Structures are given as C-alpha cells and as structure tokens.
C-alpha atoms as a PDB file:
ATOM      1  CA  MET A   1      71.124 -56.230  51.560  1.00  0.00           C
ATOM      2  CA  THR A   2      73.148 -53.262  50.383  1.00  0.00           C
ATOM      3  CA  SER A   3      72.999 -54.473  46.830  1.00  0.00           C
ATOM      4  CA  GLN A   4      69.184 -54.572  46.944  1.00  0.00           C
ATOM      5  CA  ARG A   5      69.028 -50.993  48.330  1.00  0.00           C
ATOM      6  CA  LEU A   6      71.236 -49.764  45.496  1.00  0.00           C
ATOM      7  CA  THR A   7      69.105 -51.524  42.941  1.00  0.00           C
ATOM      8  CA  HIS A   8      65.986 -50.044  44.463  1.00  0.00           C
ATOM      9  CA  ALA A   9      67.490 -46.522  44.448  1.00  0.00           C
ATOM     10  CA  LEU A  10      68.521 -46.876  40.860  1.00  0.00           C
ATOM     11  CA  VAL A  11      64.979 -47.874  39.891  1.00  0.00           C
ATOM     12  CA  VAL A  12      63.476 -44.883  41.755  1.00  0.00           C
ATOM     13  CA  THR A  13      65.980 -42.532  40.121  1.00  0.00           C
ATOM     14  CA  THR A  14      65.329 -43.909  36.683  1.00  0.00           C
ATOM     15  CA  ALA A  15      61.551 -43.567  37.218  1.00  0.00           C
ATOM     16  CA  ALA A  16      61.940 -39.987  38.411  1.00  0.00           C
ATOM     17  CA  ALA A  17      64.034 -39.135  35.383  1.00  0.00           C
ATOM     18  CA  ALA A  18      61.402 -40.629  33.079  1.00  0.00           C
ATOM     19  CA  ALA A  19      58.659 -38.652  34.782  1.00  0.00           C
ATOM     20  CA  LEU A  20      60.650 -35.414  34.314  1.00  0.00           C
ATOM     21  CA  LEU A  21      61.232 -36.240  30.705  1.00  0.00           C
ATOM     22  CA  LEU A  22      57.508 -36.870  30.092  1.00  0.00           C
ATOM     23  CA  SER A  23      56.527 -33.668  31.826  1.00  0.00           C
ATOM     24  CA  GLY A  24      59.066 -31.725  29.627  1.00  0.00           C
ATOM     25  CA  CYS A  25      57.575 -33.247  26.486  1.00  0.00           C
ATOM     26  CA  GLY A  26      54.050 -32.374  27.572  1.00  0.00           C
ATOM     27  CA  GLY A  27      55.045 -28.682  28.049  1.00  0.00           C
ATOM     28  CA  SER A  28      56.530 -28.413  24.548  1.00  0.00           C
ATOM     29  CA  SER A  29      53.365 -29.886  22.984  1.00  0.00           C
ATOM     30  CA  THR A  30      51.211 -27.227  24.668  1.00  0.00           C
ATOM     31  CA  GLN A  31      53.406 -24.417  23.297  1.00  0.00           C
ATOM     32  CA  THR A  32      53.171 -25.754  19.745  1.00  0.00           C
ATOM     33  CA  GLN A  33      49.373 -25.770  19.791  1.00  0.00           C
ATOM     34  CA  SER A  34      49.094 -22.238  21.051  1.00  0.00           C
ATOM     35  CA  ALA A  35      51.555 -21.053  18.240  1.00  0.00           C
ATOM     36  CA  THR A  36      49.560 -22.759  15.405  1.00  0.00           C
ATOM     37  CA  SER A  37      46.143 -21.870  16.758  1.00  0.00           C
ATOM     38  CA  PRO A  38      44.104 -19.328  14.550  1.00  0.00           C
ATOM     39  CA  PRO A  39      44.987 -15.673  15.408  1.00  0.00           C
ATOM     40  CA  THR A  40      42.381 -13.588  17.167  1.00  0.00           C
ATOM     41  CA  THR A  41      42.239 -11.071  14.298  1.00  0.00           C
ATOM     42  CA  SER A  42      39.323 -12.659  12.546  1.00  0.00           C
ATOM     43  CA  ALA A  43      37.208  -9.620  13.328  1.00  0.00           C
ATOM     44  CA  SER A  44      39.465  -7.422  11.195  1.00  0.00           C
ATOM     45  CA  GLU A  45      39.389  -9.959   8.376  1.00  0.00           C
ATOM     46  CA  THR A  46      35.607 -10.075   8.343  1.00  0.00           C
ATOM     47  CA  SER A  47      35.517  -6.260   8.221  1.00  0.00           C
ATOM     48  CA  GLN A  48      37.370  -6.329   4.842  1.00  0.00           C
ATOM     49  CA  PRO A  49      34.293  -7.136   2.621  1.00  0.00           C
ATOM     50  CA  ALA A  50      32.778  -3.811   3.741  1.00  0.00           C
ATOM     51  CA  THR A  51      35.484  -1.999   1.758  1.00  0.00           C
ATOM     52  CA  SER A  52      34.659  -3.921  -1.441  1.00  0.00           C
ATOM     53  CA  ASP A  53      31.856  -1.421  -2.174  1.00  0.00           C
ATOM     54  CA  ALA A  54      34.406   1.313  -2.935  1.00  0.00           C
ATOM     55  CA  PRO A  55      35.116   0.107  -6.536  1.00  0.00           C
ATOM     56  CA  THR A  56      31.322   0.272  -7.273  1.00  0.00           C
ATOM     57  CA  GLU A  57      31.300   4.008  -6.520  1.00  0.00           C
ATOM     58  CA  SER A  58      34.366   4.596  -8.604  1.00  0.00           C
ATOM     59  CA  SER A  59      33.005   2.572 -11.527  1.00  0.00           C
ATOM     60  CA  ALA A  60      29.809   4.647 -11.577  1.00  0.00           C
ATOM     61  CA  ALA A  61      31.798   7.829 -12.302  1.00  0.00           C
ATOM     62  CA  PRO A  62      32.933   6.754 -15.773  1.00  0.00           C
ATOM     63  CA  ALA A  63      29.349   5.845 -16.726  1.00  0.00           C
ATOM     64  CA  SER A  64      28.042   9.239 -15.750  1.00  0.00           C
ATOM     65  CA  SER A  65      30.862  10.990 -17.580  1.00  0.00           C
ATOM     66  CA  GLN A  66      30.207   8.945 -20.689  1.00  0.00           C
ATOM     67  CA  ALA A  67      26.481   9.961 -20.516  1.00  0.00           C
ATOM     68  CA  ALA A  68      27.581  13.642 -20.230  1.00  0.00           C
ATOM     69  CA  GLN A  69      29.878  13.292 -23.256  1.00  0.00           C
ATOM     70  CA  ALA A  70      27.198  11.660 -25.355  1.00  0.00           C
ATOM     71  CA  GLY A  71      25.323  14.943 -25.599  1.00  0.00           C
ATOM     72  CA  PRO A  72      21.957  15.491 -27.318  1.00  0.00           C
ATOM     73  CA  ALA A  73      20.452  12.772 -29.524  1.00  0.00           C
ATOM     74  CA  LEU A  74      20.192  13.127 -33.332  1.00  0.00           C
ATOM     75  CA  CYS A  75      17.031  14.850 -34.527  1.00  0.00           C
ATOM     76  CA  LYS A  76      14.431  12.431 -35.781  1.00  0.00           C
ATOM     77  CA  ALA A  77      11.474  12.829 -38.122  1.00  0.00           C
ATOM     78  CA  ALA A  78       8.970  12.311 -35.288  1.00  0.00           C
ATOM     79  CA  SER A  79      10.168  15.448 -33.461  1.00  0.00           C
ATOM     80  CA  LEU A  80      10.669  17.645 -36.585  1.00  0.00           C
ATOM     81  CA  THR A  81       8.498  19.793 -38.742  1.00  0.00           C
ATOM     82  CA  GLY A  82       9.514  20.764 -42.282  1.00  0.00           C
ATOM     83  CA  THR A  83       8.959  23.462 -44.824  1.00  0.00           C
ATOM     84  CA  THR A  84      10.609  25.006 -47.827  1.00  0.00           C
ATOM     85  CA  ASP A  85      11.409  28.613 -48.678  1.00  0.00           C
ATOM     86  CA  SER A  86      11.902  29.309 -52.415  1.00  0.00           C
ATOM     87  CA  SER A  87      12.265  33.085 -52.048  1.00  0.00           C
ATOM     88  CA  GLY A  88      15.965  32.655 -52.909  1.00  0.00           C
ATOM     89  CA  GLY A  89      15.134  32.674 -56.616  1.00  0.00           C
ATOM     90  CA  GLY A  90      16.671  30.608 -59.364  1.00  0.00           C
ATOM     91  CA  ALA A  91      18.949  30.583 -62.337  1.00  0.00           C
ATOM     92  CA  ALA A  92      19.419  28.713 -65.572  1.00  0.00           C
ATOM     93  CA  GLY A  93      16.235  26.725 -65.188  1.00  0.00           C
ATOM     94  CA  SER A  94      16.844  25.901 -61.536  1.00  0.00           C
ATOM     95  CA  VAL A  95      15.095  26.922 -58.398  1.00  0.00           C
ATOM     96  CA  TYR A  96      17.026  27.415 -55.156  1.00  0.00           C
ATOM     97  CA  MET A  97      15.098  26.906 -51.954  1.00  0.00           C
ATOM     98  CA  GLN A  98      15.846  26.402 -48.301  1.00  0.00           C
ATOM     99  CA  LEU A  99      14.836  23.144 -46.698  1.00  0.00           C
ATOM    100  CA  ILE A 100      13.948  24.139 -43.118  1.00  0.00           C
ATOM    101  CA  LEU A 101      13.563  21.503 -40.330  1.00  0.00           C
ATOM    102  CA  THR A 102      12.390  22.758 -36.915  1.00  0.00           C
ATOM    103  CA  ASN A 103      12.688  20.983 -33.637  1.00  0.00           C
ATOM    104  CA  SER A 104       9.135  20.453 -32.474  1.00  0.00           C
ATOM    105  CA  GLY A 105      10.116  18.219 -29.562  1.00  0.00           C
ATOM    106  CA  LYS A 106      10.745  19.029 -25.872  1.00  0.00           C
ATOM    107  CA  GLU A 107      14.471  18.191 -25.819  1.00  0.00           C
ATOM    108  CA  PRO A 108      17.434  19.643 -27.750  1.00  0.00           C
ATOM    109  CA  CYS A 109      18.614  17.534 -30.718  1.00  0.00           C
ATOM    110  CA  LEU A 110      21.500  17.508 -33.182  1.00  0.00           C
ATOM    111  CA  LEU A 111      20.966  18.061 -36.898  1.00  0.00           C
ATOM    112  CA  LYS A 112      24.149  17.006 -38.709  1.00  0.00           C
ATOM    113  CA  GLY A 113      24.842  16.165 -42.303  1.00  0.00           C
ATOM    114  CA  TYR A 114      22.665  15.720 -45.348  1.00  0.00           C
ATOM    115  CA  ALA A 115      18.980  14.973 -45.647  1.00  0.00           C
ATOM    116  CA  GLY A 116      17.673  12.359 -48.060  1.00  0.00           C
ATOM    117  CA  VAL A 117      15.359  14.134 -50.475  1.00  0.00           C
ATOM    118  CA  SER A 118      13.308  12.894 -53.359  1.00  0.00           C
ATOM    119  CA  LEU A 119      10.162  13.881 -55.335  1.00  0.00           C
ATOM    120  CA  THR A 120       7.162  11.704 -54.531  1.00  0.00           C
ATOM    121  CA  ALA A 121       3.583  11.223 -55.786  1.00  0.00           C
ATOM    122  CA  GLY A 122       2.131  11.855 -52.346  1.00  0.00           C
ATOM    123  CA  ALA A 123       2.549  11.538 -48.550  1.00  0.00           C
ATOM    124  CA  ASP A 124       2.408   7.730 -48.848  1.00  0.00           C
ATOM    125  CA  GLY A 125       3.674   7.487 -52.402  1.00  0.00           C
ATOM    126  CA  LYS A 126       6.920   6.060 -53.644  1.00  0.00           C
ATOM    127  CA  PRO A 127       9.809   8.297 -54.728  1.00  0.00           C
ATOM    128  CA  ILE A 128       9.858   9.383 -58.377  1.00  0.00           C
ATOM    129  CA  GLY A 129      13.103   9.295 -60.320  1.00  0.00           C
ATOM    130  CA  ALA A 130      16.567   9.836 -58.737  1.00  0.00           C
ATOM    131  CA  PRO A 131      17.085  11.112 -55.164  1.00  0.00           C
ATOM    132  CA  ALA A 132      18.899  14.357 -54.503  1.00  0.00           C
ATOM    133  CA  THR A 133      22.726  14.323 -54.962  1.00  0.00           C
ATOM    134  CA  ARG A 134      24.883  15.956 -52.332  1.00  0.00           C
ATOM    135  CA  ASP A 135      26.265  19.416 -52.768  1.00  0.00           C
ATOM    136  CA  GLU A 136      29.537  19.278 -50.794  1.00  0.00           C
ATOM    137  CA  SER A 137      30.562  22.887 -51.250  1.00  0.00           C
ATOM    138  CA  ALA A 138      29.735  23.694 -47.675  1.00  0.00           C
ATOM    139  CA  PRO A 139      31.263  21.745 -44.738  1.00  0.00           C
ATOM    140  CA  VAL A 140      29.210  19.460 -42.472  1.00  0.00           C
ATOM    141  CA  THR A 141      28.728  21.112 -39.100  1.00  0.00           C
ATOM    142  CA  ASP A 142      26.938  20.258 -35.821  1.00  0.00           C
ATOM    143  CA  VAL A 143      23.578  22.159 -35.758  1.00  0.00           C
ATOM    144  CA  LEU A 144      22.229  22.007 -32.215  1.00  0.00           C
ATOM    145  CA  LEU A 145      18.505  22.734 -32.196  1.00  0.00           C
ATOM    146  CA  ALA A 146      16.803  23.749 -28.955  1.00  0.00           C
ATOM    147  CA  PRO A 147      13.000  23.236 -28.944  1.00  0.00           C
ATOM    148  CA  GLY A 148      11.601  25.648 -31.467  1.00  0.00           C
ATOM    149  CA  GLN A 149      14.919  26.241 -33.332  1.00  0.00           C
ATOM    150  CA  ALA A 150      15.485  25.324 -36.977  1.00  0.00           C
ATOM    151  CA  GLY A 151      18.281  24.240 -39.307  1.00  0.00           C
ATOM    152  CA  THR A 152      18.432  24.902 -43.058  1.00  0.00           C
ATOM    153  CA  ALA A 153      19.878  23.233 -46.064  1.00  0.00           C
ATOM    154  CA  THR A 154      20.038  24.597 -49.600  1.00  0.00           C
ATOM    155  CA  LEU A 155      17.873  22.505 -51.936  1.00  0.00           C
ATOM    156  CA  ARG A 156      18.135  23.024 -55.703  1.00  0.00           C
ATOM    157  CA  TYR A 157      15.418  21.881 -58.055  1.00  0.00           C
ATOM    158  CA  THR A 158      16.161  21.783 -61.780  1.00  0.00           C
ATOM    159  CA  GLN A 159      13.202  22.202 -64.080  1.00  0.00           C
ATOM    160  CA  ALA A 160      12.205  18.848 -65.700  1.00  0.00           C
ATOM    161  CA  ALA A 161      11.631  20.657 -68.982  1.00  0.00           C
ATOM    162  CA  ASN A 162      15.444  21.156 -69.253  1.00  0.00           C
ATOM    163  CA  TYR A 163      15.783  17.485 -70.176  1.00  0.00           C
ATOM    164  CA  PRO A 164      14.343  16.477 -73.588  1.00  0.00           C
ATOM    165  CA  ASN A 165      14.556  12.783 -72.715  1.00  0.00           C
ATOM    166  CA  CYS A 166      12.736  13.257 -69.345  1.00  0.00           C
ATOM    167  CA  THR A 167       9.768  11.060 -68.789  1.00  0.00           C
ATOM    168  CA  LYS A 168       7.780  13.818 -67.129  1.00  0.00           C
ATOM    169  CA  THR A 169       5.629  12.754 -64.158  1.00  0.00           C
ATOM    170  CA  PRO A 170       3.677  14.995 -61.744  1.00  0.00           C
ATOM    171  CA  ALA A 171       5.000  14.998 -58.136  1.00  0.00           C
ATOM    172  CA  ALA A 172       3.013  16.165 -55.114  1.00  0.00           C
ATOM    173  CA  GLY A 173       6.043  17.234 -53.082  1.00  0.00           C
ATOM    174  CA  PHE A 174       9.172  16.108 -51.372  1.00  0.00           C
ATOM    175  CA  ARG A 175       9.908  13.204 -49.216  1.00  0.00           C
ATOM    176  CA  VAL A 176      12.593  14.176 -46.673  1.00  0.00           C
ATOM    177  CA  TYR A 177      14.665  11.872 -44.486  1.00  0.00           C
ATOM    178  CA  PRO A 178      16.582  13.711 -41.645  1.00  0.00           C
ATOM    179  CA  PRO A 179      20.245  12.698 -41.472  1.00  0.00           C
ATOM    180  CA  ASN A 180      20.774   9.167 -40.125  1.00  0.00           C
ATOM    181  CA  ASP A 181      16.975   8.503 -39.915  1.00  0.00           C
ATOM    182  CA  THR A 182      14.865   5.846 -41.584  1.00  0.00           C
ATOM    183  CA  ASP A 183      11.567   7.809 -41.012  1.00  0.00           C
ATOM    184  CA  SER A 184      10.629  10.635 -43.317  1.00  0.00           C
ATOM    185  CA  LEU A 185       8.601  13.887 -43.580  1.00  0.00           C
ATOM    186  CA  PHE A 186       6.381  14.824 -46.523  1.00  0.00           C
ATOM    187  CA  LEU A 187       6.462  18.415 -47.707  1.00  0.00           C
ATOM    188  CA  ALA A 188       3.686  19.261 -50.172  1.00  0.00           C
ATOM    189  CA  GLN A 189       4.878  21.200 -53.285  1.00  0.00           C
ATOM    190  CA  PRO A 190       3.588  20.284 -56.702  1.00  0.00           C
ATOM    191  CA  LEU A 191       6.410  19.958 -59.219  1.00  0.00           C
ATOM    192  CA  ASP A 192       7.210  18.062 -62.398  1.00  0.00           C
ATOM    193  CA  ALA A 193       9.493  15.043 -61.848  1.00  0.00           C
ATOM    194  CA  CYS A 194      11.365  12.759 -64.243  1.00  0.00           C
ATOM    195  CA  ALA A 195      10.690   9.098 -63.873  1.00  0.00           C
ATOM    196  CA  ASN A 196      14.136   8.471 -65.426  1.00  0.00           C
ATOM    197  CA  THR A 197      16.518   7.523 -62.662  1.00  0.00           C
ATOM    198  CA  ASP A 198      19.554   8.698 -64.667  1.00  0.00           C
ATOM    199  CA  ILE A 199      18.321  12.285 -64.471  1.00  0.00           C
ATOM    200  CA  ASN A 200      19.119  14.216 -61.337  1.00  0.00           C
ATOM    201  CA  LEU A 201      16.752  17.109 -60.721  1.00  0.00           C
ATOM    202  CA  LEU A 202      17.624  17.685 -57.064  1.00  0.00           C
ATOM    203  CA  THR A 203      20.792  18.579 -55.094  1.00  0.00           C
ATOM    204  CA  ILE A 204      20.991  19.048 -51.328  1.00  0.00           C
ATOM    205  CA  ALA A 205      23.604  20.756 -49.202  1.00  0.00           C
ATOM    206  CA  ALA A 206      24.546  19.996 -45.544  1.00  0.00           C
ATOM    207  CA  PHE A 207      22.442  21.547 -42.796  1.00  0.00           C
ATOM    208  CA  GLN A 208      23.545  24.883 -41.347  1.00  0.00           C
ATOM    209  CA  ALA A 209      22.306  26.853 -38.430  1.00  0.00           C
ATOM    210  CA  LYS A 210      19.486  29.183 -39.380  1.00  0.00           C
END
C-alpha cells in the first residue's frame, strides 16, 4: 500500500513538473513574437517620401541660372534692317563704306563676328563672283543691340575696272548674311561685279558698336 502511494506521488510530481516546463516554454515564445513584430514607427517611414520633393527645387536652380547666363540671342536677318554708308570715301580705286545693321525687333540681340557679303543680280538673284574676304585687323567683339540700335562693319569695294581680266557683270546690290545666320538681307546698290571667282572685290571687317 505504501509503495502504491509513493508511485502515485511520483507520477503527480512528474506531471506537475512537466506542466511548469510547458508553461515556461509558452512564456518565452510570446516574448520572441513581440520582439520580432514590426515596430510602430511606420508613420515616420511613410512621411519620408514627402521630403523627396526637395531635390526637385534644388535642381530647378541650375536651370534658371543657365538661362540667365545664356543672355540675348544672336541677331537674325528676320529682325534686322540693313543699309550702307559710303561717305567714308575711297582710295586707290576702292570705296570704303559702313555696313549698318539695325535691330528692328522687340528684344535685345547679339551681333558678333563677320557678315557674309556678296554682290548679287537682285533680291532673289544668285551671288556674282567671289564673296567678301575677312579683314581681321579689328578684333571680334560682342555688340549688344537693344531694339533700335545698330552695329557697323567696314565694307570695302574695289572697282571692277581695276582688273583687266575681270568678266564684268552688273550687280543690283549686296546680299548680306548676319553672323551665324543662314537667312540674308538684300541691300540695293548698283555696282559692277566680276563673274570671275578668283577676283575678290569685297572685304568685310568684324562688327563694332556704332
């Protein structure tokens, strides 16, 4: 009888120990889940995209500064009017005149460099002979033209009669291409041209402020 009681007590004690062990394991499992569960800071994380707009504002600044540095556009034939002034006289069979281009547009523009000049049979005619060669004695400068302002370049015309081998051809005036432009102006001024392309009757200097 005593042996049975001891056996029964041992069983109860073992069962109790097992129950305590299971309850201890259950507690440690609950702590692990709470440690690995997502943090409650998701609201701060979702607010981060709102700050992504800041680079857009900073990237806009270089674009505006580049636009400011670009400055006025180059003067084009469509916004220019032209004329010549030959009151400067001549020498040794040459006539010196001023080629004058005026900004007839509404915005400032930049006139810089050499015009392309040739003698032509008319407003829609083809060039006759050789185009003007460049006179590089004066430096190239930036000539900023406000609306109504003009720039000038010295244009020299050598008399065709100076060349015995000139195939003399009548010209109605000058075809003028502003610097870096593919469109042109026609300036009426009857002169004799040489059809020979190996004879240069014209020279043109760089534009200067008037």
